Amino acid sequence: MCAEVCDATCRVLSEQNRLDEDGIRVQLEWCRTVCLECAHAFDDQPGAEDAAKACRNCAQACTDFIATLN
């Protein structure tokens, strides 16, 4: 799910040149939330450390992007 949400967020941000800052923020918050939830779910699965890390990395990228917004 994390990968699907990240992909959707990337498409929205790259294709929607008329998206206002509030819309961008909502999209990024949604992506960050889903990625963190997925990471927590992977934490309970043996052998899923890489997937949890990837989800956390995506959530961090969203956090970093949000920090650039005014």
PDB file of N, CA and C in Angstrom:
ATOM      1  N   MET A   1       0.820  -1.190   0.000  1.00  0.00           N
ATOM      2  CA  MET A   1       0.000   0.000   0.000  1.00  0.00           C
ATOM      3  C   MET A   1       0.864   1.255   0.000  1.00  0.00           C
ATOM      4  N   CYS A   2       1.954   1.218   0.750  1.00  0.00           N
ATOM      5  CA  CYS A   2       2.847   2.371   0.807  1.00  0.00           C
ATOM      6  C   CYS A   2       3.321   2.753  -0.593  1.00  0.00           C
ATOM      7  N   ALA A   3       3.743   1.776  -1.368  1.00  0.00           N
ATOM      8  CA  ALA A   3       4.243   2.054  -2.714  1.00  0.00           C
ATOM      9  C   ALA A   3       3.152   2.656  -3.597  1.00  0.00           C
ATOM     10  N   GLU A   4       1.929   2.166  -3.475  1.00  0.00           N
ATOM     11  CA  GLU A   4       0.830   2.700  -4.268  1.00  0.00           C
ATOM     12  C   GLU A   4       0.529   4.145  -3.904  1.00  0.00           C
ATOM     13  N   VAL A   5       0.552   4.445  -2.625  1.00  0.00           N
ATOM     14  CA  VAL A   5       0.279   5.809  -2.167  1.00  0.00           C
ATOM     15  C   VAL A   5       1.409   6.746  -2.598  1.00  0.00           C
ATOM     16  N   CYS A   6       2.642   6.276  -2.491  1.00  0.00           N
ATOM     17  CA  CYS A   6       3.783   7.092  -2.938  1.00  0.00           C
ATOM     18  C   CYS A   6       3.687   7.370  -4.425  1.00  0.00           C
ATOM     19  N   ASP A   7       3.353   6.345  -5.193  1.00  0.00           N
ATOM     20  CA  ASP A   7       3.211   6.508  -6.637  1.00  0.00           C
ATOM     21  C   ASP A   7       2.102   7.507  -6.958  1.00  0.00           C
ATOM     22  N   ALA A   8       0.975   7.372  -6.293  1.00  0.00           N
ATOM     23  CA  ALA A   8      -0.137   8.302  -6.524  1.00  0.00           C
ATOM     24  C   ALA A   8       0.255   9.725  -6.160  1.00  0.00           C
ATOM     25  N   THR A   9       0.974   9.881  -5.059  1.00  0.00           N
ATOM     26  CA  THR A   9       1.412  11.208  -4.635  1.00  0.00           C
ATOM     27  C   THR A   9       2.362  11.812  -5.659  1.00  0.00           C
ATOM     28  N   CYS A  10       3.302  11.035  -6.139  1.00  0.00           N
ATOM     29  CA  CYS A  10       4.227  11.527  -7.162  1.00  0.00           C
ATOM     30  C   CYS A  10       3.481  11.960  -8.418  1.00  0.00           C
ATOM     31  N   ARG A  11       2.513  11.161  -8.838  1.00  0.00           N
ATOM     32  CA  ARG A  11       1.735  11.518 -10.033  1.00  0.00           C
ATOM     33  C   ARG A  11       0.947  12.794  -9.816  1.00  0.00           C
ATOM     34  N   VAL A  12       0.302  12.911  -8.668  1.00  0.00           N
ATOM     35  CA  VAL A  12      -0.485  14.119  -8.377  1.00  0.00           C
ATOM     36  C   VAL A  12       0.412  15.348  -8.356  1.00  0.00           C
ATOM     37  N   LEU A  13       1.546  15.247  -7.698  1.00  0.00           N
ATOM     38  CA  LEU A  13       2.435  16.400  -7.584  1.00  0.00           C
ATOM     39  C   LEU A  13       3.071  16.780  -8.921  1.00  0.00           C
ATOM     40  N   SER A  14       3.316  15.811  -9.776  1.00  0.00           N
ATOM     41  CA  SER A  14       3.954  16.125 -11.051  1.00  0.00           C
ATOM     42  C   SER A  14       2.959  16.509 -12.139  1.00  0.00           C
ATOM     43  N   GLU A  15       1.737  16.041 -12.063  1.00  0.00           N
ATOM     44  CA  GLU A  15       0.760  16.279 -13.124  1.00  0.00           C
ATOM     45  C   GLU A  15      -0.200  17.422 -12.817  1.00  0.00           C
ATOM     46  N   GLN A  16      -0.377  17.748 -11.587  1.00  0.00           N
ATOM     47  CA  GLN A  16      -1.359  18.767 -11.208  1.00  0.00           C
ATOM     48  C   GLN A  16      -0.664  20.099 -10.964  1.00  0.00           C
ATOM     49  N   ASN A  17      -0.361  20.818 -12.046  1.00  0.00           N
ATOM     50  CA  ASN A  17       0.347  22.071 -11.884  1.00  0.00           C
ATOM     51  C   ASN A  17      -0.524  23.176 -11.288  1.00  0.00           C
ATOM     52  N   ARG A  18      -1.789  22.922 -11.119  1.00  0.00           N
ATOM     53  CA  ARG A  18      -2.682  23.917 -10.539  1.00  0.00           C
ATOM     54  C   ARG A  18      -3.038  23.609  -9.089  1.00  0.00           C
ATOM     55  N   LEU A  19      -2.398  22.607  -8.525  1.00  0.00           N
ATOM     56  CA  LEU A  19      -2.654  22.223  -7.140  1.00  0.00           C
ATOM     57  C   LEU A  19      -2.078  23.295  -6.225  1.00  0.00           C
ATOM     58  N   ASP A  20      -2.906  23.811  -5.334  1.00  0.00           N
ATOM     59  CA  ASP A  20      -2.427  24.853  -4.427  1.00  0.00           C
ATOM     60  C   ASP A  20      -1.652  24.244  -3.266  1.00  0.00           C
ATOM     61  N   GLU A  21      -1.030  25.098  -2.481  1.00  0.00           N
ATOM     62  CA  GLU A  21      -0.179  24.619  -1.395  1.00  0.00           C
ATOM     63  C   GLU A  21      -0.954  23.787  -0.386  1.00  0.00           C
ATOM     64  N   ASP A  22      -2.186  24.162  -0.092  1.00  0.00           N
ATOM     65  CA  ASP A  22      -2.989  23.365   0.845  1.00  0.00           C
ATOM     66  C   ASP A  22      -3.259  21.972   0.294  1.00  0.00           C
ATOM     67  N   GLY A  23      -3.525  21.889  -0.998  1.00  0.00           N
ATOM     68  CA  GLY A  23      -3.743  20.588  -1.625  1.00  0.00           C
ATOM     69  C   GLY A  23      -2.498  19.726  -1.609  1.00  0.00           C
ATOM     70  N   ILE A  24      -1.352  20.348  -1.841  1.00  0.00           N
ATOM     71  CA  ILE A  24      -0.077  19.631  -1.782  1.00  0.00           C
ATOM     72  C   ILE A  24       0.161  19.109  -0.372  1.00  0.00           C
ATOM     73  N   ARG A  25      -0.092  19.956   0.604  1.00  0.00           N
ATOM     74  CA  ARG A  25       0.115  19.572   2.005  1.00  0.00           C
ATOM     75  C   ARG A  25      -0.782  18.390   2.387  1.00  0.00           C
ATOM     76  N   VAL A  26      -2.040  18.424   1.975  1.00  0.00           N
ATOM     77  CA  VAL A  26      -2.971  17.332   2.277  1.00  0.00           C
ATOM     78  C   VAL A  26      -2.483  16.029   1.646  1.00  0.00           C
ATOM     79  N   GLN A  27      -2.052  16.098   0.398  1.00  0.00           N
ATOM     80  CA  GLN A  27      -1.561  14.907  -0.294  1.00  0.00           C
ATOM     81  C   GLN A  27      -0.339  14.337   0.422  1.00  0.00           C
ATOM     82  N   LEU A  28       0.590  15.197   0.802  1.00  0.00           N
ATOM     83  CA  LEU A  28       1.804  14.742   1.483  1.00  0.00           C
ATOM     84  C   LEU A  28       1.510  14.189   2.868  1.00  0.00           C
ATOM     85  N   GLU A  29       0.591  14.797   3.588  1.00  0.00           N
ATOM     86  CA  GLU A  29       0.220  14.302   4.921  1.00  0.00           C
ATOM     87  C   GLU A  29      -0.405  12.923   4.813  1.00  0.00           C
ATOM     88  N   TRP A  30      -1.253  12.751   3.814  1.00  0.00           N
ATOM     89  CA  TRP A  30      -1.902  11.445   3.597  1.00  0.00           C
ATOM     90  C   TRP A  30      -0.840  10.387   3.285  1.00  0.00           C
ATOM     91  N   CYS A  31       0.081  10.725   2.399  1.00  0.00           N
ATOM     92  CA  CYS A  31       1.132   9.784   2.027  1.00  0.00           C
ATOM     93  C   CYS A  31       1.992   9.439   3.242  1.00  0.00           C
ATOM     94  N   ARG A  32       2.376  10.447   4.000  1.00  0.00           N
ATOM     95  CA  ARG A  32       3.216  10.214   5.186  1.00  0.00           C
ATOM     96  C   ARG A  32       2.501   9.315   6.192  1.00  0.00           C
ATOM     97  N   THR A  33       1.233   9.562   6.422  1.00  0.00           N
ATOM     98  CA  THR A  33       0.458   8.775   7.377  1.00  0.00           C
ATOM     99  C   THR A  33       0.365   7.315   6.952  1.00  0.00           C
ATOM    100  N   VAL A  34       0.039   7.087   5.701  1.00  0.00           N
ATOM    101  CA  VAL A  34      -0.081   5.716   5.192  1.00  0.00           C
ATOM    102  C   VAL A  34       1.268   5.005   5.274  1.00  0.00           C
ATOM    103  N   CYS A  35       2.331   5.697   4.909  1.00  0.00           N
ATOM    104  CA  CYS A  35       3.658   5.074   4.941  1.00  0.00           C
ATOM    105  C   CYS A  35       4.068   4.698   6.363  1.00  0.00           C
ATOM    106  N   LEU A  36       3.786   5.561   7.315  1.00  0.00           N
ATOM    107  CA  LEU A  36       4.116   5.234   8.704  1.00  0.00           C
ATOM    108  C   LEU A  36       3.280   4.067   9.221  1.00  0.00           C
ATOM    109  N   GLU A  37       2.008   4.025   8.851  1.00  0.00           N
ATOM    110  CA  GLU A  37       1.157   2.902   9.254  1.00  0.00           C
ATOM    111  C   GLU A  37       1.666   1.601   8.646  1.00  0.00           C
ATOM    112  N   CYS A  38       2.084   1.649   7.396  1.00  0.00           N
ATOM    113  CA  CYS A  38       2.628   0.452   6.752  1.00  0.00           C
ATOM    114  C   CYS A  38       3.926   0.026   7.430  1.00  0.00           C
ATOM    115  N   ALA A  39       4.780   0.979   7.755  1.00  0.00           N
ATOM    116  CA  ALA A  39       6.038   0.656   8.430  1.00  0.00           C
ATOM    117  C   ALA A  39       5.769  -0.038   9.754  1.00  0.00           C
ATOM    118  N   HIS A  40       4.803   0.461  10.500  1.00  0.00           N
ATOM    119  CA  HIS A  40       4.461  -0.162  11.780  1.00  0.00           C
ATOM    120  C   HIS A  40       3.918  -1.579  11.570  1.00  0.00           C
ATOM    121  N   ALA A  41       3.154  -1.777  10.512  1.00  0.00           N
ATOM    122  CA  ALA A  41       2.635  -3.116  10.217  1.00  0.00           C
ATOM    123  C   ALA A  41       3.778  -4.062   9.848  1.00  0.00           C
ATOM    124  N   PHE A  42       4.745  -3.574   9.083  1.00  0.00           N
ATOM    125  CA  PHE A  42       5.893  -4.397   8.713  1.00  0.00           C
ATOM    126  C   PHE A  42       6.771  -4.716   9.917  1.00  0.00           C
ATOM    127  N   ASP A  43       6.782  -3.853  10.921  1.00  0.00           N
ATOM    128  CA  ASP A  43       7.581  -4.103  12.118  1.00  0.00           C
ATOM    129  C   ASP A  43       7.206  -5.424  12.780  1.00  0.00           C
ATOM    130  N   ASP A  44       5.958  -5.845  12.614  1.00  0.00           N
ATOM    131  CA  ASP A  44       5.480  -7.086  13.227  1.00  0.00           C
ATOM    132  C   ASP A  44       5.760  -8.326  12.369  1.00  0.00           C
ATOM    133  N   GLN A  45       6.345  -8.125  11.197  1.00  0.00           N
ATOM    134  CA  GLN A  45       6.569  -9.237  10.275  1.00  0.00           C
ATOM    135  C   GLN A  45       8.046  -9.583  10.196  1.00  0.00           C
ATOM    136  N   PRO A  46       8.434 -10.783  10.597  1.00  0.00           N
ATOM    137  CA  PRO A  46       9.844 -11.184  10.478  1.00  0.00           C
ATOM    138  C   PRO A  46      10.302 -11.111   9.020  1.00  0.00           C
ATOM    139  N   GLY A  47      11.480 -10.565   8.802  1.00  0.00           N
ATOM    140  CA  GLY A  47      12.030 -10.474   7.454  1.00  0.00           C
ATOM    141  C   GLY A  47      11.551  -9.284   6.647  1.00  0.00           C
ATOM    142  N   ALA A  48      10.758  -8.424   7.250  1.00  0.00           N
ATOM    143  CA  ALA A  48      10.208  -7.287   6.517  1.00  0.00           C
ATOM    144  C   ALA A  48      10.888  -5.971   6.889  1.00  0.00           C
ATOM    145  N   GLU A  49      12.103  -6.073   7.403  1.00  0.00           N
ATOM    146  CA  GLU A  49      12.817  -4.873   7.840  1.00  0.00           C
ATOM    147  C   GLU A  49      13.057  -3.901   6.688  1.00  0.00           C
ATOM    148  N   ASP A  50      13.419  -4.426   5.512  1.00  0.00           N
ATOM    149  CA  ASP A  50      13.676  -3.559   4.363  1.00  0.00           C
ATOM    150  C   ASP A  50      12.420  -2.818   3.928  1.00  0.00           C
ATOM    151  N   ALA A  51      11.285  -3.503   3.957  1.00  0.00           N
ATOM    152  CA  ALA A  51      10.022  -2.862   3.583  1.00  0.00           C
ATOM    153  C   ALA A  51       9.663  -1.767   4.586  1.00  0.00           C
ATOM    154  N   ALA A  52       9.854  -2.038   5.864  1.00  0.00           N
ATOM    155  CA  ALA A  52       9.569  -1.028   6.889  1.00  0.00           C
ATOM    156  C   ALA A  52      10.468   0.187   6.699  1.00  0.00           C
ATOM    157  N   LYS A  53      11.729  -0.068   6.385  1.00  0.00           N
ATOM    158  CA  LYS A  53      12.672   1.035   6.170  1.00  0.00           C
ATOM    159  C   LYS A  53      12.269   1.863   4.954  1.00  0.00           C
ATOM    160  N   ALA A  54      11.871   1.219   3.880  1.00  0.00           N
ATOM    161  CA  ALA A  54      11.447   1.932   2.669  1.00  0.00           C
ATOM    162  C   ALA A  54      10.237   2.815   2.967  1.00  0.00           C
ATOM    163  N   CYS A  55       9.304   2.297   3.732  1.00  0.00           N
ATOM    164  CA  CYS A  55       8.120   3.082   4.091  1.00  0.00           C
ATOM    165  C   CYS A  55       8.506   4.285   4.958  1.00  0.00           C
ATOM    166  N   ARG A  56       9.403   4.065   5.885  1.00  0.00           N
ATOM    167  CA  ARG A  56       9.857   5.177   6.732  1.00  0.00           C
ATOM    168  C   ARG A  56      10.621   6.220   5.913  1.00  0.00           C
ATOM    169  N   ASN A  57      11.402   5.776   4.947  1.00  0.00           N
ATOM    170  CA  ASN A  57      12.120   6.705   4.081  1.00  0.00           C
ATOM    171  C   ASN A  57      11.152   7.571   3.280  1.00  0.00           C
ATOM    172  N   CYS A  58      10.096   6.966   2.786  1.00  0.00           N
ATOM    173  CA  CYS A  58       9.089   7.719   2.049  1.00  0.00           C
ATOM    174  C   CYS A  58       8.399   8.726   2.966  1.00  0.00           C
ATOM    175  N   ALA A  59       8.055   8.286   4.158  1.00  0.00           N
ATOM    176  CA  ALA A  59       7.422   9.199   5.123  1.00  0.00           C
ATOM    177  C   ALA A  59       8.344  10.366   5.440  1.00  0.00           C
ATOM    178  N   GLN A  60       9.641  10.104   5.558  1.00  0.00           N
ATOM    179  CA  GLN A  60      10.602  11.174   5.823  1.00  0.00           C
ATOM    180  C   GLN A  60      10.692  12.138   4.646  1.00  0.00           C
ATOM    181  N   ALA A  61      10.642  11.608   3.429  1.00  0.00           N
ATOM    182  CA  ALA A  61      10.660  12.466   2.242  1.00  0.00           C
ATOM    183  C   ALA A  61       9.444  13.383   2.234  1.00  0.00           C
ATOM    184  N   CYS A  62       8.292  12.862   2.619  1.00  0.00           N
ATOM    185  CA  CYS A  62       7.093  13.695   2.704  1.00  0.00           C
ATOM    186  C   CYS A  62       7.263  14.775   3.775  1.00  0.00           C
ATOM    187  N   THR A  63       7.810  14.387   4.917  1.00  0.00           N
ATOM    188  CA  THR A  63       8.056  15.349   5.995  1.00  0.00           C
ATOM    189  C   THR A  63       8.997  16.448   5.518  1.00  0.00           C
ATOM    190  N   ASP A  64      10.049  16.067   4.827  1.00  0.00           N
ATOM    191  CA  ASP A  64      11.009  17.047   4.312  1.00  0.00           C
ATOM    192  C   ASP A  64      10.359  17.985   3.302  1.00  0.00           C
ATOM    193  N   PHE A  65       9.516  17.442   2.447  1.00  0.00           N
ATOM    194  CA  PHE A  65       8.824  18.266   1.442  1.00  0.00           C
ATOM    195  C   PHE A  65       7.880  19.235   2.152  1.00  0.00           C
ATOM    196  N   ILE A  66       7.132  18.756   3.113  1.00  0.00           N
ATOM    197  CA  ILE A  66       6.210  19.627   3.855  1.00  0.00           C
ATOM    198  C   ILE A  66       6.961  20.784   4.495  1.00  0.00           C
ATOM    199  N   ALA A  67       8.160  20.511   4.985  1.00  0.00           N
ATOM    200  CA  ALA A  67       8.960  21.544   5.643  1.00  0.00           C
ATOM    201  C   ALA A  67       9.359  22.665   4.674  1.00  0.00           C
ATOM    202  N   THR A  68       9.354  22.384   3.382  1.00  0.00           N
ATOM    203  CA  THR A  68       9.712  23.419   2.402  1.00  0.00           C
ATOM    204  C   THR A  68       8.541  24.329   2.079  1.00  0.00           C
ATOM    205  N   LEU A  69       7.338  23.913   2.454  1.00  0.00           N
ATOM    206  CA  LEU A  69       6.153  24.732   2.176  1.00  0.00           C
ATOM    207  C   LEU A  69       6.047  25.855   3.213  1.00  0.00           C
ATOM    208  N   ASN A  70       5.477  26.924   2.792  1.00  0.00           N
ATOM    209  CA  ASN A  70       5.319  28.059   3.728  1.00  0.00           C
ATOM    210  C   ASN A  70       4.199  27.848   4.686  1.00  0.00           C
TER     211      ASN A  70
END
